[in-house]
Amino acid sequence: MAAGGITTTTAAIFRPTVWAGESLRALQAKLGIADRVTRKYENNLTHGQTIVVPLVSNMTTASKTGNATVAFEVFTETSVNILIDQWEYVAFRIDDMVNVQSAFDLRSEYSFTGGYAMKRKIDVDLASIFDGFTGNAVGTLATPLTDADRLLALQNLLDDDVDCDNPDNLTWFLSPKEF
């Protein structure tokens, strides 16, 4: 091999580093639990530490004949308490010089990933609530539902006289692993 000549080392000044036109974001899980939770009580969050949601019982019918006395139903109602005790945040700061010198819109990129971090935290917290379910809970958190799980869940709904043909029904079940 001949000595001398222009090499990749001696011509390094002419070999630029080229940056991609777009950044590549980290992989993100598909989230879905938070989108299935009612948020209708958020307007009540102007102050306080607990939202008390009263539950109203269903009434029953009774047969009446002739001059028979009517018996009125008596209810002792209960409530569901929503504790306002979780506070999370995402924070970042972009130095002015970095903002001027960067070829990327870092504020937009980090705002997007910060929003994802917040949504992920909400989904994980909601998923952890499933562990406390009792009664007719079917399946295991973070494990794909099996056909047997689906059939048992459907049977439980039918046994409880849930109208499974009504698309507006509030009863649902999910497998977070399948999102």
Foldseek 3Di string as FASTA:
>chain_A
DDDDDDDCVNCVVVDDDDDDLDDDDDDADDFDPVVLDDPVCVVVVPDDFKDKAKDDDDDDDDDDDDPDDDDDDDDDTDTDIDGNDDDDADDDDDDPVCCVPDSDNVVVVVVVVRVSVVSVVVRVVVLVVLVVDDDQDFDDALDDDDPVRVVSSVVVCVVVVHPPVDPPDSDDDDHRNVD
